[in-house]
């Protein structure tokens, strides 16, 4: 027997690219979601917009952060693939190990 819950909640994150603005994307997102609703369903939407940012990867802070991450990866024996997968499994512990190793 299938049970269909009467209420569902979701958190959705939309990443904006340079040149896009949240006030332009938000109405398009809302229309997309509302158009996909089944008959009789409702949608409560709370939007929190933030504009995209661009950073020069060669600023001193980003160069230092990249170097610290590389040192941490090397100390922990992580390669790029593991660095991308492991935080999703155990993000808090992994981030703590990486921060300690990067010092």
PDB file of N, CA and C in Angstrom:
ATOM      1  N   UNK A   1       0.843  -1.168   0.000  1.00  0.00           N
ATOM      2  CA  UNK A   1       0.000   0.000   0.000  1.00  0.00           C
ATOM      3  C   UNK A   1       0.898   1.244   0.000  1.00  0.00           C
ATOM      4  N   UNK A   2       0.633   2.165  -0.873  1.00  0.00           N
ATOM      5  CA  UNK A   2       1.412   3.393  -0.984  1.00  0.00           C
ATOM      6  C   UNK A   2       0.802   4.492  -0.122  1.00  0.00           C
ATOM      7  N   UNK A   3       1.656   5.177   0.615  1.00  0.00           N
ATOM      8  CA  UNK A   3       1.204   6.291   1.430  1.00  0.00           C
ATOM      9  C   UNK A   3       1.784   7.568   0.828  1.00  0.00           C
ATOM     10  N   UNK A   4       0.921   8.521   0.544  1.00  0.00           N
ATOM     11  CA  UNK A   4       1.349   9.791  -0.011  1.00  0.00           C
ATOM     12  C   UNK A   4       1.234  10.846   1.088  1.00  0.00           C
ATOM     13  N   UNK A   5       2.337  11.455   1.474  1.00  0.00           N
ATOM     14  CA  UNK A   5       2.273  12.470   2.527  1.00  0.00           C
ATOM     15  C   UNK A   5       1.467  13.683   2.063  1.00  0.00           C
ATOM     16  N   UNK A   6       0.800  14.336   3.003  1.00  0.00           N
ATOM     17  CA  UNK A   6      -0.017  15.486   2.635  1.00  0.00           C
ATOM     18  C   UNK A   6       0.802  16.754   2.470  1.00  0.00           C
ATOM     19  N   UNK A   7       2.034  16.728   2.944  1.00  0.00           N
ATOM     20  CA  UNK A   7       2.885  17.910   2.869  1.00  0.00           C
ATOM     21  C   UNK A   7       4.321  17.493   2.542  1.00  0.00           C
ATOM     22  N   UNK A   8       4.955  18.285   1.732  1.00  0.00           N
ATOM     23  CA  UNK A   8       6.363  18.046   1.414  1.00  0.00           C
ATOM     24  C   UNK A   8       7.104  19.374   1.493  1.00  0.00           C
ATOM     25  N   UNK A   9       8.358  19.314   1.901  1.00  0.00           N
ATOM     26  CA  UNK A   9       9.197  20.507   1.961  1.00  0.00           C
ATOM     27  C   UNK A   9      10.487  20.233   1.214  1.00  0.00           C
ATOM     28  N   UNK A  10      11.015  21.287   0.644  1.00  0.00           N
ATOM     29  CA  UNK A  10      12.281  21.162  -0.070  1.00  0.00           C
ATOM     30  C   UNK A  10      13.068  22.450   0.067  1.00  0.00           C
ATOM     31  N   UNK A  11      14.368  22.317   0.017  1.00  0.00           N
ATOM     32  CA  UNK A  11      15.263  23.462  -0.016  1.00  0.00           C
ATOM     33  C   UNK A  11      15.948  23.430  -1.374  1.00  0.00           C
ATOM     34  N   UNK A  12      15.925  24.536  -2.046  1.00  0.00           N
ATOM     35  CA  UNK A  12      16.457  24.600  -3.401  1.00  0.00           C
ATOM     36  C   UNK A  12      17.453  25.747  -3.481  1.00  0.00           C
ATOM     37  N   UNK A  13      18.593  25.483  -4.048  1.00  0.00           N
ATOM     38  CA  UNK A  13      19.607  26.513  -4.225  1.00  0.00           C
ATOM     39  C   UNK A  13      19.861  26.691  -5.717  1.00  0.00           C
ATOM     40  N   UNK A  14      19.792  27.919  -6.165  1.00  0.00           N
ATOM     41  CA  UNK A  14      20.058  28.233  -7.565  1.00  0.00           C
ATOM     42  C   UNK A  14      21.308  29.096  -7.614  1.00  0.00           C
ATOM     43  N   UNK A  15      22.323  28.635  -8.270  1.00  0.00           N
ATOM     44  CA  UNK A  15      23.565  29.392  -8.393  1.00  0.00           C
ATOM     45  C   UNK A  15      23.460  30.303  -9.609  1.00  0.00           C
ATOM     46  N   UNK A  16      23.762  31.565  -9.401  1.00  0.00           N
ATOM     47  CA  UNK A  16      23.697  32.537 -10.484  1.00  0.00           C
ATOM     48  C   UNK A  16      25.072  32.709 -11.110  1.00  0.00           C
ATOM     49  N   UNK A  17      25.071  32.893 -12.398  1.00  0.00           N
ATOM     50  CA  UNK A  17      26.310  33.172 -13.119  1.00  0.00           C
ATOM     51  C   UNK A  17      26.487  34.684 -13.220  1.00  0.00           C
ATOM     52  N   UNK A  18      27.685  35.112 -13.525  1.00  0.00           N
ATOM     53  CA  UNK A  18      27.927  36.532 -13.714  1.00  0.00           C
ATOM     54  C   UNK A  18      26.957  37.104 -14.732  1.00  0.00           C
ATOM     55  N   UNK A  19      26.412  38.269 -14.409  1.00  0.00           N
ATOM     56  CA  UNK A  19      25.453  38.903 -15.314  1.00  0.00           C
ATOM     57  C   UNK A  19      24.006  38.570 -15.001  1.00  0.00           C
ATOM     58  N   UNK A  20      23.743  37.512 -14.264  1.00  0.00           N
ATOM     59  CA  UNK A  20      22.379  37.178 -13.853  1.00  0.00           C
ATOM     60  C   UNK A  20      22.060  37.919 -12.571  1.00  0.00           C
ATOM     61  N   UNK A  21      20.801  38.253 -12.362  1.00  0.00           N
ATOM     62  CA  UNK A  21      20.359  38.943 -11.162  1.00  0.00           C
ATOM     63  C   UNK A  21      19.224  38.166 -10.529  1.00  0.00           C
ATOM     64  N   UNK A  22      19.262  38.077  -9.201  1.00  0.00           N
ATOM     65  CA  UNK A  22      18.252  37.285  -8.486  1.00  0.00           C
ATOM     66  C   UNK A  22      16.839  37.807  -8.728  1.00  0.00           C
ATOM     67  N   UNK A  23      16.682  39.131  -8.875  1.00  0.00           N
ATOM     68  CA  UNK A  23      15.330  39.665  -9.093  1.00  0.00           C
ATOM     69  C   UNK A  23      14.764  39.288 -10.459  1.00  0.00           C
ATOM     70  N   UNK A  24      15.620  38.882 -11.379  1.00  0.00           N
ATOM     71  CA  UNK A  24      15.157  38.408 -12.683  1.00  0.00           C
ATOM     72  C   UNK A  24      14.934  36.900 -12.678  1.00  0.00           C
ATOM     73  N   UNK A  25      15.772  36.174 -11.961  1.00  0.00           N
ATOM     74  CA  UNK A  25      15.697  34.716 -11.930  1.00  0.00           C
ATOM     75  C   UNK A  25      14.552  34.239 -11.042  1.00  0.00           C
ATOM     76  N   UNK A  26      14.303  34.921  -9.930  1.00  0.00           N
ATOM     77  CA  UNK A  26      13.281  34.484  -8.964  1.00  0.00           C
ATOM     78  C   UNK A  26      11.896  34.305  -9.601  1.00  0.00           C
ATOM     79  N   UNK A  27      11.393  35.264 -10.380  1.00  0.00           N
ATOM     80  CA  UNK A  27      10.075  35.058 -10.990  1.00  0.00           C
ATOM     81  C   UNK A  27      10.050  33.881 -11.973  1.00  0.00           C
ATOM     82  N   UNK A  28      11.157  33.673 -12.688  1.00  0.00           N
ATOM     83  CA  UNK A  28      11.227  32.539 -13.619  1.00  0.00           C
ATOM     84  C   UNK A  28      11.199  31.218 -12.855  1.00  0.00           C
ATOM     85  N   UNK A  29      11.918  31.162 -11.734  1.00  0.00           N
ATOM     86  CA  UNK A  29      11.915  29.962 -10.910  1.00  0.00           C
ATOM     87  C   UNK A  29      10.516  29.701 -10.354  1.00  0.00           C
ATOM     88  N   UNK A  30       9.868  30.742  -9.834  1.00  0.00           N
ATOM     89  CA  UNK A  30       8.526  30.569  -9.280  1.00  0.00           C
ATOM     90  C   UNK A  30       7.552  30.080 -10.350  1.00  0.00           C
ATOM     91  N   UNK A  31       7.614  30.646 -11.538  1.00  0.00           N
ATOM     92  CA  UNK A  31       6.725  30.202 -12.624  1.00  0.00           C
ATOM     93  C   UNK A  31       6.976  28.741 -12.963  1.00  0.00           C
ATOM     94  N   UNK A  32       8.239  28.359 -13.053  1.00  0.00           N
ATOM     95  CA  UNK A  32       8.591  26.973 -13.349  1.00  0.00           C
ATOM     96  C   UNK A  32       8.000  26.026 -12.316  1.00  0.00           C
ATOM     97  N   UNK A  33       8.148  26.374 -11.045  1.00  0.00           N
ATOM     98  CA  UNK A  33       7.618  25.522  -9.975  1.00  0.00           C
ATOM     99  C   UNK A  33       6.090  25.485  -9.981  1.00  0.00           C
ATOM    100  N   UNK A  34       5.460  26.638 -10.129  1.00  0.00           N
ATOM    101  CA  UNK A  34       3.992  26.678 -10.119  1.00  0.00           C
ATOM    102  C   UNK A  34       3.403  25.931 -11.314  1.00  0.00           C
ATOM    103  N   UNK A  35       4.032  26.061 -12.460  1.00  0.00           N
ATOM    104  CA  UNK A  35       3.544  25.365 -13.658  1.00  0.00           C
ATOM    105  C   UNK A  35       3.643  23.851 -13.516  1.00  0.00           C
ATOM    106  N   UNK A  36       4.547  23.379 -12.664  1.00  0.00           N
ATOM    107  CA  UNK A  36       4.743  21.935 -12.495  1.00  0.00           C
ATOM    108  C   UNK A  36       3.855  21.340 -11.402  1.00  0.00           C
ATOM    109  N   UNK A  37       3.122  22.183 -10.667  1.00  0.00           N
ATOM    110  CA  UNK A  37       2.273  21.673  -9.581  1.00  0.00           C
ATOM    111  C   UNK A  37       1.147  20.808 -10.115  1.00  0.00           C
ATOM    112  N   UNK A  38       0.876  19.701  -9.471  1.00  0.00           N
ATOM    113  CA  UNK A  38      -0.296  18.907  -9.858  1.00  0.00           C
ATOM    114  C   UNK A  38      -1.576  19.637  -9.429  1.00  0.00           C
ATOM    115  N   UNK A  39      -2.676  19.283 -10.026  1.00  0.00           N
ATOM    116  CA  UNK A  39      -3.967  19.898  -9.701  1.00  0.00           C
ATOM    117  C   UNK A  39      -4.245  19.766  -8.209  1.00  0.00           C
ATOM    118  N   UNK A  40      -4.668  20.847  -7.599  1.00  0.00           N
ATOM    119  CA  UNK A  40      -5.019  20.829  -6.192  1.00  0.00           C
ATOM    120  C   UNK A  40      -3.859  21.070  -5.247  1.00  0.00           C
ATOM    121  N   UNK A  41      -2.640  21.105  -5.758  1.00  0.00           N
ATOM    122  CA  UNK A  41      -1.469  21.325  -4.901  1.00  0.00           C
ATOM    123  C   UNK A  41      -1.195  22.814  -4.781  1.00  0.00           C
ATOM    124  N   UNK A  42      -0.588  23.191  -3.676  1.00  0.00           N
ATOM    125  CA  UNK A  42      -0.215  24.576  -3.457  1.00  0.00           C
ATOM    126  C   UNK A  42       1.282  24.703  -3.307  1.00  0.00           C
ATOM    127  N   UNK A  43       1.752  25.929  -3.360  1.00  0.00           N
ATOM    128  CA  UNK A  43       3.177  26.190  -3.248  1.00  0.00           C
ATOM    129  C   UNK A  43       3.389  27.396  -2.350  1.00  0.00           C
ATOM    130  N   UNK A  44       4.171  27.210  -1.318  1.00  0.00           N
ATOM    131  CA  UNK A  44       4.610  28.312  -0.465  1.00  0.00           C
ATOM    132  C   UNK A  44       6.082  28.495  -0.748  1.00  0.00           C
ATOM    133  N   UNK A  45       6.435  29.656  -1.196  1.00  0.00           N
ATOM    134  CA  UNK A  45       7.805  29.901  -1.644  1.00  0.00           C
ATOM    135  C   UNK A  45       8.395  31.064  -0.855  1.00  0.00           C
ATOM    136  N   UNK A  46       9.528  30.815  -0.222  1.00  0.00           N
ATOM    137  CA  UNK A  46      10.276  31.861   0.479  1.00  0.00           C
ATOM    138  C   UNK A  46      11.607  32.025  -0.228  1.00  0.00           C
ATOM    139  N   UNK A  47      11.816  33.187  -0.781  1.00  0.00           N
ATOM    140  CA  UNK A  47      13.020  33.436  -1.565  1.00  0.00           C
ATOM    141  C   UNK A  47      14.003  34.302  -0.788  1.00  0.00           C
ATOM    142  N   UNK A  48      15.260  33.949  -0.891  1.00  0.00           N
ATOM    143  CA  UNK A  48      16.345  34.727  -0.307  1.00  0.00           C
ATOM    144  C   UNK A  48      17.380  34.907  -1.400  1.00  0.00           C
ATOM    145  N   UNK A  49      17.462  36.095  -1.943  1.00  0.00           N
ATOM    146  CA  UNK A  49      18.353  36.320  -3.073  1.00  0.00           C
ATOM    147  C   UNK A  49      19.702  36.868  -2.675  1.00  0.00           C
ATOM    148  N   UNK A  50      20.677  36.511  -3.426  1.00  0.00           N
ATOM    149  CA  UNK A  50      22.027  37.053  -3.286  1.00  0.00           C
ATOM    150  C   UNK A  50      22.637  37.125  -4.677  1.00  0.00           C
ATOM    151  N   UNK A  51      23.366  38.155  -4.908  1.00  0.00           N
ATOM    152  CA  UNK A  51      23.936  38.359  -6.236  1.00  0.00           C
ATOM    153  C   UNK A  51      25.261  37.604  -6.382  1.00  0.00           C
ATOM    154  N   UNK A  52      25.587  37.192  -7.605  1.00  0.00           N
ATOM    155  CA  UNK A  52      26.849  36.474  -7.812  1.00  0.00           C
ATOM    156  C   UNK A  52      28.042  37.402  -7.578  1.00  0.00           C
ATOM    157  N   UNK A  53      29.141  36.793  -7.213  1.00  0.00           N
ATOM    158  CA  UNK A  53      30.367  37.547  -6.975  1.00  0.00           C
ATOM    159  C   UNK A  53      31.487  36.984  -7.838  1.00  0.00           C
ATOM    160  N   UNK A  54      32.421  37.829  -8.156  1.00  0.00           N
ATOM    161  CA  UNK A  54      33.605  37.402  -8.891  1.00  0.00           C
ATOM    162  C   UNK A  54      34.826  37.778  -8.073  1.00  0.00           C
ATOM    163  N   UNK A  55      35.787  36.885  -8.056  1.00  0.00           N
ATOM    164  CA  UNK A  55      37.013  37.125  -7.311  1.00  0.00           C
ATOM    165  C   UNK A  55      38.200  36.860  -8.212  1.00  0.00           C
ATOM    166  N   UNK A  56      39.219  37.659  -8.048  1.00  0.00           N
ATOM    167  CA  UNK A  56      40.473  37.421  -8.742  1.00  0.00           C
ATOM    168  C   UNK A  56      41.175  36.283  -8.011  1.00  0.00           C
ATOM    169  N   UNK A  57      41.394  35.134  -8.669  1.00  0.00           N
ATOM    170  CA  UNK A  57      42.005  33.988  -7.987  1.00  0.00           C
ATOM    171  C   UNK A  57      43.437  34.240  -7.526  1.00  0.00           C
ATOM    172  N   UNK A  58      44.018  35.336  -7.943  1.00  0.00           N
ATOM    173  CA  UNK A  58      45.398  35.634  -7.555  1.00  0.00           C
ATOM    174  C   UNK A  58      45.487  36.629  -6.403  1.00  0.00           C
ATOM    175  N   UNK A  59      44.358  36.990  -5.781  1.00  0.00           N
ATOM    176  CA  UNK A  59      44.439  37.858  -4.603  1.00  0.00           C
ATOM    177  C   UNK A  59      45.178  37.105  -3.503  1.00  0.00           C
ATOM    178  N   UNK A  60      45.917  37.806  -2.659  1.00  0.00           N
ATOM    179  CA  UNK A  60      46.719  37.141  -1.636  1.00  0.00           C
ATOM    180  C   UNK A  60      45.913  36.182  -0.749  1.00  0.00           C
ATOM    181  N   UNK A  61      44.713  36.546  -0.366  1.00  0.00           N
ATOM    182  CA  UNK A  61      43.921  35.668   0.509  1.00  0.00           C
ATOM    183  C   UNK A  61      43.572  34.357  -0.187  1.00  0.00           C
ATOM    184  N   UNK A  62      43.196  34.418  -1.459  1.00  0.00           N
ATOM    185  CA  UNK A  62      42.838  33.196  -2.178  1.00  0.00           C
ATOM    186  C   UNK A  62      44.058  32.348  -2.494  1.00  0.00           C
ATOM    187  N   UNK A  63      45.182  32.981  -2.781  1.00  0.00           N
ATOM    188  CA  UNK A  63      46.419  32.229  -3.003  1.00  0.00           C
ATOM    189  C   UNK A  63      46.804  31.488  -1.724  1.00  0.00           C
ATOM    190  N   UNK A  64      46.704  32.174  -0.562  1.00  0.00           N
ATOM    191  CA  UNK A  64      47.033  31.539   0.725  1.00  0.00           C
ATOM    192  C   UNK A  64      46.060  30.405   1.035  1.00  0.00           C
ATOM    193  N   UNK A  65      44.773  30.608   0.757  1.00  0.00           N
ATOM    194  CA  UNK A  65      43.781  29.557   1.021  1.00  0.00           C
ATOM    195  C   UNK A  65      44.047  28.337   0.145  1.00  0.00           C
ATOM    196  N   UNK A  66      44.353  28.572  -1.126  1.00  0.00           N
ATOM    197  CA  UNK A  66      44.638  27.459  -2.038  1.00  0.00           C
ATOM    198  C   UNK A  66      45.876  26.688  -1.583  1.00  0.00           C
ATOM    199  N   UNK A  67      46.895  27.405  -1.139  1.00  0.00           N
ATOM    200  CA  UNK A  67      48.119  26.750  -0.658  1.00  0.00           C
ATOM    201  C   UNK A  67      47.834  25.931   0.599  1.00  0.00           C
ATOM    202  N   UNK A  68      47.009  26.476   1.506  1.00  0.00           N
ATOM    203  CA  UNK A  68      46.666  25.746   2.729  1.00  0.00           C
ATOM    204  C   UNK A  68      45.890  24.482   2.399  1.00  0.00           C
ATOM    205  N   UNK A  69      44.962  24.558   1.463  1.00  0.00           N
ATOM    206  CA  UNK A  69      44.214  23.362   1.059  1.00  0.00           C
ATOM    207  C   UNK A  69      45.137  22.322   0.439  1.00  0.00           C
ATOM    208  N   UNK A  70      46.054  22.759  -0.376  1.00  0.00           N
ATOM    209  CA  UNK A  70      47.000  21.821  -0.991  1.00  0.00           C
ATOM    210  C   UNK A  70      47.857  21.141   0.068  1.00  0.00           C
ATOM    211  N   UNK A  71      48.342  21.901   1.060  1.00  0.00           N
ATOM    212  CA  UNK A  71      49.130  21.302   2.138  1.00  0.00           C
ATOM    213  C   UNK A  71      48.284  20.300   2.920  1.00  0.00           C
ATOM    214  N   UNK A  72      47.028  20.673   3.197  1.00  0.00           N
ATOM    215  CA  UNK A  72      46.135  19.772   3.927  1.00  0.00           C
ATOM    216  C   UNK A  72      45.862  18.501   3.150  1.00  0.00           C
ATOM    217  N   UNK A  73      45.607  18.631   1.850  1.00  0.00           N
ATOM    218  CA  UNK A  73      45.383  17.445   1.019  1.00  0.00           C
ATOM    219  C   UNK A  73      46.596  16.538   1.041  1.00  0.00           C
ATOM    220  N   UNK A  74      47.769  17.122   0.916  1.00  0.00           N
ATOM    221  CA  UNK A  74      48.996  16.327   0.890  1.00  0.00           C
ATOM    222  C   UNK A  74      49.206  15.606   2.225  1.00  0.00           C
ATOM    223  N   UNK A  75      48.993  16.296   3.330  1.00  0.00           N
ATOM    224  CA  UNK A  75      49.190  15.674   4.650  1.00  0.00           C
ATOM    225  C   UNK A  75      48.210  14.545   4.900  1.00  0.00           C
ATOM    226  N   UNK A  76      47.001  14.689   4.379  1.00  0.00           N
ATOM    227  CA  UNK A  76      45.985  13.660   4.583  1.00  0.00           C
ATOM    228  C   UNK A  76      45.993  12.595   3.489  1.00  0.00           C
ATOM    229  N   UNK A  77      46.820  12.792   2.474  1.00  0.00           N
ATOM    230  CA  UNK A  77      46.884  11.828   1.380  1.00  0.00           C
ATOM    231  C   UNK A  77      45.639  11.860   0.511  1.00  0.00           C
ATOM    232  N   UNK A  78      45.046  13.030   0.367  1.00  0.00           N
ATOM    233  CA  UNK A  78      43.827  13.146  -0.435  1.00  0.00           C
ATOM    234  C   UNK A  78      44.168  13.613  -1.836  1.00  0.00           C
ATOM    235  N   UNK A  79      43.465  13.050  -2.803  1.00  0.00           N
ATOM    236  CA  UNK A  79      43.568  13.580  -4.148  1.00  0.00           C
ATOM    237  C   UNK A  79      42.301  14.388  -4.419  1.00  0.00           C
ATOM    238  N   UNK A  80      42.218  15.017  -5.568  1.00  0.00           N
ATOM    239  CA  UNK A  80      41.080  15.900  -5.875  1.00  0.00           C
ATOM    240  C   UNK A  80      39.748  15.152  -5.826  1.00  0.00           C
ATOM    241  N   UNK A  81      39.701  13.917  -6.318  1.00  0.00           N
ATOM    242  CA  UNK A  81      38.451  13.150  -6.317  1.00  0.00           C
ATOM    243  C   UNK A  81      37.976  12.895  -4.891  1.00  0.00           C
ATOM    244  N   UNK A  82      38.904  12.482  -4.019  1.00  0.00           N
ATOM    245  CA  UNK A  82      38.514  12.226  -2.626  1.00  0.00           C
ATOM    246  C   UNK A  82      38.080  13.510  -1.955  1.00  0.00           C
ATOM    247  N   UNK A  83      38.735  14.610  -2.249  1.00  0.00           N
ATOM    248  CA  UNK A  83      38.393  15.883  -1.627  1.00  0.00           C
ATOM    249  C   UNK A  83      36.971  16.282  -2.000  1.00  0.00           C
ATOM    250  N   UNK A  84      36.542  15.942  -3.207  1.00  0.00           N
ATOM    251  CA  UNK A  84      35.191  16.287  -3.626  1.00  0.00           C
ATOM    252  C   UNK A  84      34.130  15.352  -3.081  1.00  0.00           C
ATOM    253  N   UNK A  85      34.466  14.114  -2.776  1.00  0.00           N
ATOM    254  CA  UNK A  85      33.478  13.131  -2.338  1.00  0.00           C
ATOM    255  C   UNK A  85      33.359  13.060  -0.825  1.00  0.00           C
ATOM    256  N   UNK A  86      34.481  13.021  -0.145  1.00  0.00           N
ATOM    257  CA  UNK A  86      34.471  12.776   1.295  1.00  0.00           C
ATOM    258  C   UNK A  86      33.673  13.801   2.097  1.00  0.00           C
ATOM    259  N   UNK A  87      33.750  15.127   1.794  1.00  0.00           N
ATOM    260  CA  UNK A  87      32.987  16.074   2.590  1.00  0.00           C
ATOM    261  C   UNK A  87      31.484  15.832   2.549  1.00  0.00           C
ATOM    262  N   UNK A  88      30.967  15.303   1.444  1.00  0.00           N
ATOM    263  CA  UNK A  88      29.536  15.035   1.370  1.00  0.00           C
ATOM    264  C   UNK A  88      29.142  13.896   2.302  1.00  0.00           C
ATOM    265  N   UNK A  89      30.053  12.986   2.563  1.00  0.00           N
ATOM    266  CA  UNK A  89      29.777  11.862   3.441  1.00  0.00           C
ATOM    267  C   UNK A  89      29.934  12.256   4.899  1.00  0.00           C
ATOM    268  N   UNK A  90      30.995  12.985   5.207  1.00  0.00           N
ATOM    269  CA  UNK A  90      31.284  13.347   6.591  1.00  0.00           C
ATOM    270  C   UNK A  90      31.902  14.732   6.596  1.00  0.00           C
ATOM    271  N   UNK A  91      31.137  15.709   6.138  1.00  0.00           N
ATOM    272  CA  UNK A  91      31.661  17.049   5.931  1.00  0.00           C
ATOM    273  C   UNK A  91      32.284  17.681   7.147  1.00  0.00           C
ATOM    274  N   UNK A  92      31.620  17.630   8.297  1.00  0.00           N
ATOM    275  CA  UNK A  92      32.136  18.302   9.478  1.00  0.00           C
ATOM    276  C   UNK A  92      33.465  17.745   9.938  1.00  0.00           C
ATOM    277  N   UNK A  93      33.553  16.442  10.065  1.00  0.00           N
ATOM    278  CA  UNK A  93      34.796  15.818  10.519  1.00  0.00           C
ATOM    279  C   UNK A  93      35.889  16.027   9.498  1.00  0.00           C
ATOM    280  N   UNK A  94      35.554  15.906   8.226  1.00  0.00           N
ATOM    281  CA  UNK A  94      36.552  16.080   7.180  1.00  0.00           C
ATOM    282  C   UNK A  94      37.091  17.520   7.178  1.00  0.00           C
ATOM    283  N   UNK A  95      36.182  18.497   7.285  1.00  0.00           N
ATOM    284  CA  UNK A  95      36.607  19.886   7.297  1.00  0.00           C
ATOM    285  C   UNK A  95      37.498  20.157   8.495  1.00  0.00           C
ATOM    286  N   UNK A  96      37.165  19.584   9.642  1.00  0.00           N
ATOM    287  CA  UNK A  96      37.986  19.774  10.834  1.00  0.00           C
ATOM    288  C   UNK A  96      39.374  19.165  10.634  1.00  0.00           C
ATOM    289  N   UNK A  97      39.447  17.961  10.071  1.00  0.00           N
ATOM    290  CA  UNK A  97      40.747  17.330   9.816  1.00  0.00           C
ATOM    291  C   UNK A  97      41.556  18.168   8.845  1.00  0.00           C
ATOM    292  N   UNK A  98      40.894  18.681   7.782  1.00  0.00           N
ATOM    293  CA  UNK A  98      41.583  19.453   6.771  1.00  0.00           C
ATOM    294  C   UNK A  98      42.090  20.762   7.369  1.00  0.00           C
ATOM    295  N   UNK A  99      41.290  21.411   8.207  1.00  0.00           N
ATOM    296  CA  UNK A  99      41.707  22.669   8.821  1.00  0.00           C
ATOM    297  C   UNK A  99      42.896  22.442   9.749  1.00  0.00           C
ATOM    298  N   UNK A 100      42.871  21.368  10.495  1.00  0.00           N
ATOM    299  CA  UNK A 100      43.980  21.074  11.406  1.00  0.00           C
ATOM    300  C   UNK A 100      45.228  20.759  10.601  1.00  0.00           C
ATOM    301  N   UNK A 101      45.082  19.964   9.548  1.00  0.00           N
ATOM    302  CA  UNK A 101      46.238  19.562   8.767  1.00  0.00           C
ATOM    303  C   UNK A 101      46.835  20.747   7.997  1.00  0.00           C
ATOM    304  N   UNK A 102      46.003  21.729   7.666  1.00  0.00           N
ATOM    305  CA  UNK A 102      46.475  22.839   6.847  1.00  0.00           C
ATOM    306  C   UNK A 102      47.262  23.871   7.653  1.00  0.00           C
ATOM    307  N   UNK A 103      47.268  23.789   8.958  1.00  0.00           N
ATOM    308  CA  UNK A 103      47.956  24.794   9.781  1.00  0.00           C
ATOM    309  C   UNK A 103      49.453  24.684   9.719  1.00  0.00           C
TER     310      UNK A 103
END
